[in-house]
């Protein structure tokens, strides 16, 4: 490694500009699963209640899908359904259930998928529906997967099994900001009091 190198200390190519945009759309081709594991905090410590699934896209962009440990039945159902849907594009449903076994909790569930199923995703590319989700608290949009299958298939699957776009839930671009005038609000003129 030296000054003027085309790569960083980890061997990754340096770019003149910032992060690559995550591609969103009904059928984004060329996604690869990088990893599934427990998340780490800003100090590098494992977080026992959060896992992340990392995808790389054909353009080099990376996006993460976060799963949370929960006691809520609906949240557990959502995590189960999402990971079952993804994993059955790598292994059969019978192999999925054999691999996860009877996990004692969230961490063991994630670890079983990570160690027994995800290695089999190596070399496979997927076509995915990648949407933007709106965080109302921060008013930011972030890439994610839809809540409802079918949103992933092996590249080249014919006919496609991916659900068609649902305009109510599937957002592919950040909506343009609207002005107050466009919302129908009338501007109140200010009178000069001097």
C-alpha atoms as a PDB file:
ATOM      1  CA  UNK A   1       0.000   0.000   0.000  1.00  0.00           C
ATOM      2  CA  UNK A   2       1.387   3.367  -0.955  1.00  0.00           C
ATOM      3  CA  UNK A   3       0.235   6.895  -1.653  1.00  0.00           C
ATOM      4  CA  UNK A   4      -1.412   7.116  -5.054  1.00  0.00           C
ATOM      5  CA  UNK A   5      -2.683   3.535  -4.843  1.00  0.00           C
ATOM      6  CA  UNK A   6      -5.828   2.594  -6.744  1.00  0.00           C
ATOM      7  CA  UNK A   7      -6.998   0.445  -3.829  1.00  0.00           C
ATOM      8  CA  UNK A   8      -7.469   0.948  -0.097  1.00  0.00           C
ATOM      9  CA  UNK A   9      -5.704  -1.057   2.620  1.00  0.00           C
ATOM     10  CA  UNK A  10      -8.353  -3.812   2.293  1.00  0.00           C
ATOM     11  CA  UNK A  11      -7.827  -4.124  -1.486  1.00  0.00           C
ATOM     12  CA  UNK A  12     -11.073  -2.390  -2.450  1.00  0.00           C
ATOM     13  CA  UNK A  13     -10.967  -0.029  -5.424  1.00  0.00           C
ATOM     14  CA  UNK A  14     -10.949   3.650  -4.486  1.00  0.00           C
ATOM     15  CA  UNK A  15     -13.608   5.815  -6.146  1.00  0.00           C
ATOM     16  CA  UNK A  16     -13.512   9.495  -6.890  1.00  0.00           C
ATOM     17  CA  UNK A  17     -17.100   9.988  -5.773  1.00  0.00           C
ATOM     18  CA  UNK A  18     -19.231   8.843  -2.826  1.00  0.00           C
ATOM     19  CA  UNK A  19     -21.273   5.712  -2.311  1.00  0.00           C
ATOM     20  CA  UNK A  20     -22.892   3.967  -5.228  1.00  0.00           C
ATOM     21  CA  UNK A  21     -26.665   4.294  -5.367  1.00  0.00           C
ATOM     22  CA  UNK A  22     -28.675   1.236  -4.411  1.00  0.00           C
ATOM     23  CA  UNK A  23     -30.720   0.146  -7.397  1.00  0.00           C
ATOM     24  CA  UNK A  24     -34.436  -0.071  -6.687  1.00  0.00           C
ATOM     25  CA  UNK A  25     -37.221  -1.481  -8.816  1.00  0.00           C
ATOM     26  CA  UNK A  26     -39.573  -4.356  -9.473  1.00  0.00           C
ATOM     27  CA  UNK A  27     -36.869  -6.610 -10.971  1.00  0.00           C
ATOM     28  CA  UNK A  28     -33.314  -5.635 -10.050  1.00  0.00           C
ATOM     29  CA  UNK A  29     -30.969  -8.242 -11.557  1.00  0.00           C
ATOM     30  CA  UNK A  30     -27.555  -9.318 -10.284  1.00  0.00           C
ATOM     31  CA  UNK A  31     -27.873  -9.218  -6.481  1.00  0.00           C
ATOM     32  CA  UNK A  32     -25.607 -11.423  -4.376  1.00  0.00           C
ATOM     33  CA  UNK A  33     -25.974 -12.345  -0.733  1.00  0.00           C
ATOM     34  CA  UNK A  34     -22.820 -11.326   1.111  1.00  0.00           C
ATOM     35  CA  UNK A  35     -23.658 -12.421   4.640  1.00  0.00           C
ATOM     36  CA  UNK A  36     -26.204 -12.890   7.385  1.00  0.00           C
ATOM     37  CA  UNK A  37     -25.175 -12.399  10.984  1.00  0.00           C
ATOM     38  CA  UNK A  38     -25.672 -10.536  14.200  1.00  0.00           C
ATOM     39  CA  UNK A  39     -25.162  -6.766  13.904  1.00  0.00           C
ATOM     40  CA  UNK A  40     -22.430  -4.896  15.701  1.00  0.00           C
ATOM     41  CA  UNK A  41     -22.710  -1.532  17.410  1.00  0.00           C
ATOM     42  CA  UNK A  42     -20.420   1.466  16.845  1.00  0.00           C
ATOM     43  CA  UNK A  43     -17.846  -0.086  19.226  1.00  0.00           C
ATOM     44  CA  UNK A  44     -17.781  -3.353  17.289  1.00  0.00           C
ATOM     45  CA  UNK A  45     -19.673  -5.262  20.001  1.00  0.00           C
ATOM     46  CA  UNK A  46     -22.258  -7.834  18.898  1.00  0.00           C
ATOM     47  CA  UNK A  47     -25.870  -6.818  19.353  1.00  0.00           C
ATOM     48  CA  UNK A  48     -27.791  -9.880  20.530  1.00  0.00           C
ATOM     49  CA  UNK A  49     -31.176  -8.539  19.409  1.00  0.00           C
ATOM     50  CA  UNK A  50     -30.446  -7.510  15.803  1.00  0.00           C
ATOM     51  CA  UNK A  51     -29.252  -9.353  12.701  1.00  0.00           C
ATOM     52  CA  UNK A  52     -28.474  -8.044   9.237  1.00  0.00           C
ATOM     53  CA  UNK A  53     -28.567  -9.596   5.804  1.00  0.00           C
ATOM     54  CA  UNK A  54     -26.186  -7.864   3.396  1.00  0.00           C
ATOM     55  CA  UNK A  55     -26.616  -7.810  -0.390  1.00  0.00           C
ATOM     56  CA  UNK A  56     -24.220  -6.572  -3.090  1.00  0.00           C
ATOM     57  CA  UNK A  57     -25.718  -5.360  -6.345  1.00  0.00           C
ATOM     58  CA  UNK A  58     -24.311  -5.631  -9.862  1.00  0.00           C
ATOM     59  CA  UNK A  59     -23.322  -1.935  -9.802  1.00  0.00           C
ATOM     60  CA  UNK A  60     -21.239  -2.476  -6.635  1.00  0.00           C
ATOM     61  CA  UNK A  61     -23.766  -0.919  -4.246  1.00  0.00           C
ATOM     62  CA  UNK A  62     -24.461  -2.633  -0.939  1.00  0.00           C
ATOM     63  CA  UNK A  63     -27.640  -2.629   1.091  1.00  0.00           C
ATOM     64  CA  UNK A  64     -28.628  -4.237   4.362  1.00  0.00           C
ATOM     65  CA  UNK A  65     -31.872  -5.681   5.660  1.00  0.00           C
ATOM     66  CA  UNK A  66     -32.188  -5.671   9.452  1.00  0.00           C
ATOM     67  CA  UNK A  67     -34.081  -8.251  11.502  1.00  0.00           C
ATOM     68  CA  UNK A  68     -35.007  -7.627  15.139  1.00  0.00           C
ATOM     69  CA  UNK A  69     -35.488 -10.104  17.963  1.00  0.00           C
ATOM     70  CA  UNK A  70     -39.011  -9.703  19.298  1.00  0.00           C
ATOM     71  CA  UNK A  71     -41.583 -11.174  21.631  1.00  0.00           C
ATOM     72  CA  UNK A  72     -44.385  -9.964  19.337  1.00  0.00           C
ATOM     73  CA  UNK A  73     -45.984 -12.790  17.351  1.00  0.00           C
ATOM     74  CA  UNK A  74     -46.489 -10.649  14.234  1.00  0.00           C
ATOM     75  CA  UNK A  75     -42.790  -9.638  14.206  1.00  0.00           C
ATOM     76  CA  UNK A  76     -41.612 -13.232  14.607  1.00  0.00           C
ATOM     77  CA  UNK A  77     -43.993 -14.270  11.814  1.00  0.00           C
ATOM     78  CA  UNK A  78     -42.599 -11.534   9.554  1.00  0.00           C
ATOM     79  CA  UNK A  79     -38.970 -12.564  10.188  1.00  0.00           C
ATOM     80  CA  UNK A  80     -39.825 -16.244   9.663  1.00  0.00           C
ATOM     81  CA  UNK A  81     -41.690 -15.565   6.405  1.00  0.00           C
ATOM     82  CA  UNK A  82     -38.999 -13.262   4.988  1.00  0.00           C
ATOM     83  CA  UNK A  83     -36.086 -15.580   5.743  1.00  0.00           C
ATOM     84  CA  UNK A  84     -38.002 -18.679   4.579  1.00  0.00           C
ATOM     85  CA  UNK A  85     -38.770 -16.920   1.282  1.00  0.00           C
ATOM     86  CA  UNK A  86     -35.117 -15.916   0.763  1.00  0.00           C
ATOM     87  CA  UNK A  87     -33.614 -19.220   1.898  1.00  0.00           C
ATOM     88  CA  UNK A  88     -35.863 -21.336  -0.335  1.00  0.00           C
ATOM     89  CA  UNK A  89     -34.182 -19.681  -3.314  1.00  0.00           C
ATOM     90  CA  UNK A  90     -30.949 -21.283  -2.035  1.00  0.00           C
ATOM     91  CA  UNK A  91     -32.144 -24.640  -0.636  1.00  0.00           C
ATOM     92  CA  UNK A  92     -35.395 -26.602  -0.628  1.00  0.00           C
ATOM     93  CA  UNK A  93     -37.997 -25.926   2.043  1.00  0.00           C
ATOM     94  CA  UNK A  94     -37.264 -29.334   3.619  1.00  0.00           C
ATOM     95  CA  UNK A  95     -33.539 -28.504   3.743  1.00  0.00           C
ATOM     96  CA  UNK A  96     -34.353 -25.108   5.269  1.00  0.00           C
ATOM     97  CA  UNK A  97     -36.308 -26.646   8.149  1.00  0.00           C
ATOM     98  CA  UNK A  98     -33.670 -29.355   8.624  1.00  0.00           C
ATOM     99  CA  UNK A  99     -30.936 -26.685   8.802  1.00  0.00           C
ATOM    100  CA  UNK A 100     -32.659 -24.401  11.296  1.00  0.00           C
ATOM    101  CA  UNK A 101     -33.698 -27.289  13.522  1.00  0.00           C
ATOM    102  CA  UNK A 102     -35.437 -26.214  16.728  1.00  0.00           C
ATOM    103  CA  UNK A 103     -33.589 -23.027  17.641  1.00  0.00           C
ATOM    104  CA  UNK A 104     -33.737 -21.914  21.265  1.00  0.00           C
ATOM    105  CA  UNK A 105     -34.028 -18.275  20.257  1.00  0.00           C
ATOM    106  CA  UNK A 106     -33.276 -15.520  17.759  1.00  0.00           C
ATOM    107  CA  UNK A 107     -29.471 -15.792  17.852  1.00  0.00           C
ATOM    108  CA  UNK A 108     -29.445 -19.548  17.282  1.00  0.00           C
ATOM    109  CA  UNK A 109     -32.012 -19.159  14.472  1.00  0.00           C
ATOM    110  CA  UNK A 110     -29.803 -16.591  12.682  1.00  0.00           C
ATOM    111  CA  UNK A 111     -26.631 -18.600  13.333  1.00  0.00           C
ATOM    112  CA  UNK A 112     -28.177 -21.785  11.898  1.00  0.00           C
ATOM    113  CA  UNK A 113     -29.214 -19.983   8.705  1.00  0.00           C
ATOM    114  CA  UNK A 114     -25.888 -18.185   8.467  1.00  0.00           C
ATOM    115  CA  UNK A 115     -23.732 -21.285   8.879  1.00  0.00           C
ATOM    116  CA  UNK A 116     -25.857 -23.978   7.229  1.00  0.00           C
ATOM    117  CA  UNK A 117     -27.676 -22.200   4.383  1.00  0.00           C
ATOM    118  CA  UNK A 118     -25.895 -18.968   3.418  1.00  0.00           C
ATOM    119  CA  UNK A 119     -22.657 -20.694   2.298  1.00  0.00           C
ATOM    120  CA  UNK A 120     -24.759 -22.365  -0.415  1.00  0.00           C
ATOM    121  CA  UNK A 121     -25.652 -18.919  -1.813  1.00  0.00           C
ATOM    122  CA  UNK A 122     -22.045 -18.435  -2.962  1.00  0.00           C
ATOM    123  CA  UNK A 123     -21.910 -17.898  -6.705  1.00  0.00           C
ATOM    124  CA  UNK A 124     -25.669 -17.422  -7.046  1.00  0.00           C
ATOM    125  CA  UNK A 125     -27.213 -14.169  -8.236  1.00  0.00           C
ATOM    126  CA  UNK A 126     -30.759 -13.108  -7.600  1.00  0.00           C
ATOM    127  CA  UNK A 127     -33.373 -10.887  -9.191  1.00  0.00           C
ATOM    128  CA  UNK A 128     -35.114  -8.913  -6.479  1.00  0.00           C
ATOM    129  CA  UNK A 129     -37.795  -6.361  -5.884  1.00  0.00           C
ATOM    130  CA  UNK A 130     -35.996  -3.632  -3.938  1.00  0.00           C
ATOM    131  CA  UNK A 131     -38.150  -0.841  -2.564  1.00  0.00           C
ATOM    132  CA  UNK A 132     -37.633   2.291  -0.522  1.00  0.00           C
ATOM    133  CA  UNK A 133     -39.150   2.427   2.934  1.00  0.00           C
ATOM    134  CA  UNK A 134     -39.956   5.713   4.602  1.00  0.00           C
ATOM    135  CA  UNK A 135     -38.757   6.315   8.153  1.00  0.00           C
ATOM    136  CA  UNK A 136     -41.341   8.827   9.318  1.00  0.00           C
ATOM    137  CA  UNK A 137     -39.316   9.748  12.398  1.00  0.00           C
ATOM    138  CA  UNK A 138     -36.250  10.887  10.429  1.00  0.00           C
ATOM    139  CA  UNK A 139     -38.149  11.518   7.164  1.00  0.00           C
ATOM    140  CA  UNK A 140     -35.467   9.480   5.383  1.00  0.00           C
ATOM    141  CA  UNK A 141     -35.894   6.726   2.819  1.00  0.00           C
ATOM    142  CA  UNK A 142     -33.824   3.542   2.873  1.00  0.00           C
ATOM    143  CA  UNK A 143     -33.660   0.488   0.594  1.00  0.00           C
ATOM    144  CA  UNK A 144     -35.391  -2.630   1.837  1.00  0.00           C
ATOM    145  CA  UNK A 145     -37.384  -5.662   0.812  1.00  0.00           C
ATOM    146  CA  UNK A 146     -41.176  -5.706   0.625  1.00  0.00           C
ATOM    147  CA  UNK A 147     -43.047  -7.261   3.547  1.00  0.00           C
ATOM    148  CA  UNK A 148     -44.846  -9.714   1.317  1.00  0.00           C
ATOM    149  CA  UNK A 149     -43.317 -12.433  -0.903  1.00  0.00           C
ATOM    150  CA  UNK A 150     -42.575 -12.888  -3.775  1.00  0.00           C
ATOM    151  CA  UNK A 151     -39.648 -10.490  -3.917  1.00  0.00           C
ATOM    152  CA  UNK A 152     -36.647 -12.692  -4.782  1.00  0.00           C
ATOM    153  CA  UNK A 153     -35.810 -15.359  -7.346  1.00  0.00           C
ATOM    154  CA  UNK A 154     -32.690 -16.788  -8.949  1.00  0.00           C
ATOM    155  CA  UNK A 155     -31.550 -14.714 -11.925  1.00  0.00           C
ATOM    156  CA  UNK A 156     -33.101 -16.088 -15.109  1.00  0.00           C
ATOM    157  CA  UNK A 157     -36.174 -17.657 -13.502  1.00  0.00           C
ATOM    158  CA  UNK A 158     -38.803 -18.043 -16.229  1.00  0.00           C
ATOM    159  CA  UNK A 159     -41.579 -17.196 -15.849  1.00  0.00           C
ATOM    160  CA  UNK A 160     -40.803 -14.674 -13.171  1.00  0.00           C
ATOM    161  CA  UNK A 161     -42.367 -15.317  -9.781  1.00  0.00           C
ATOM    162  CA  UNK A 162     -41.868 -11.786  -8.438  1.00  0.00           C
ATOM    163  CA  UNK A 163     -45.086  -9.986  -7.508  1.00  0.00           C
ATOM    164  CA  UNK A 164     -46.079  -7.092  -9.704  1.00  0.00           C
ATOM    165  CA  UNK A 165     -45.686  -3.596  -8.314  1.00  0.00           C
ATOM    166  CA  UNK A 166     -48.262  -2.509  -5.773  1.00  0.00           C
ATOM    167  CA  UNK A 167     -48.255   1.319  -5.936  1.00  0.00           C
ATOM    168  CA  UNK A 168     -49.546   1.560  -2.370  1.00  0.00           C
ATOM    169  CA  UNK A 169     -46.485  -0.207  -0.903  1.00  0.00           C
ATOM    170  CA  UNK A 170     -43.766  -0.358  -3.554  1.00  0.00           C
ATOM    171  CA  UNK A 171     -41.842   2.920  -3.720  1.00  0.00           C
ATOM    172  CA  UNK A 172     -38.857   2.944  -6.078  1.00  0.00           C
ATOM    173  CA  UNK A 173     -37.870   6.622  -5.995  1.00  0.00           C
ATOM    174  CA  UNK A 174     -37.914   9.234  -3.264  1.00  0.00           C
ATOM    175  CA  UNK A 175     -41.038  11.325  -3.820  1.00  0.00           C
ATOM    176  CA  UNK A 176     -40.391  14.897  -4.862  1.00  0.00           C
ATOM    177  CA  UNK A 177     -40.913  17.450  -2.140  1.00  0.00           C
ATOM    178  CA  UNK A 178     -44.109  19.413  -2.475  1.00  0.00           C
ATOM    179  CA  UNK A 179     -44.400  23.089  -1.735  1.00  0.00           C
ATOM    180  CA  UNK A 180     -47.111  24.552   0.446  1.00  0.00           C
ATOM    181  CA  UNK A 181     -48.624  26.234  -2.586  1.00  0.00           C
ATOM    182  CA  UNK A 182     -48.848  22.896  -4.334  1.00  0.00           C
ATOM    183  CA  UNK A 183     -50.637  21.510  -1.281  1.00  0.00           C
ATOM    184  CA  UNK A 184     -53.272  24.212  -1.673  1.00  0.00           C
ATOM    185  CA  UNK A 185     -52.139  26.401   1.222  1.00  0.00           C
ATOM    186  CA  UNK A 186     -52.693  30.095   0.606  1.00  0.00           C
ATOM    187  CA  UNK A 187     -49.837  32.448   1.302  1.00  0.00           C
ATOM    188  CA  UNK A 188     -50.793  35.253   3.648  1.00  0.00           C
ATOM    189  CA  UNK A 189     -49.432  38.625   2.502  1.00  0.00           C
ATOM    190  CA  UNK A 190     -47.470  40.577   5.064  1.00  0.00           C
ATOM    191  CA  UNK A 191     -48.353  44.252   5.309  1.00  0.00           C
ATOM    192  CA  UNK A 192     -45.647  46.825   5.691  1.00  0.00           C
ATOM    193  CA  UNK A 193     -46.186  48.374   9.132  1.00  0.00           C
ATOM    194  CA  UNK A 194     -43.639  51.175   8.768  1.00  0.00           C
END
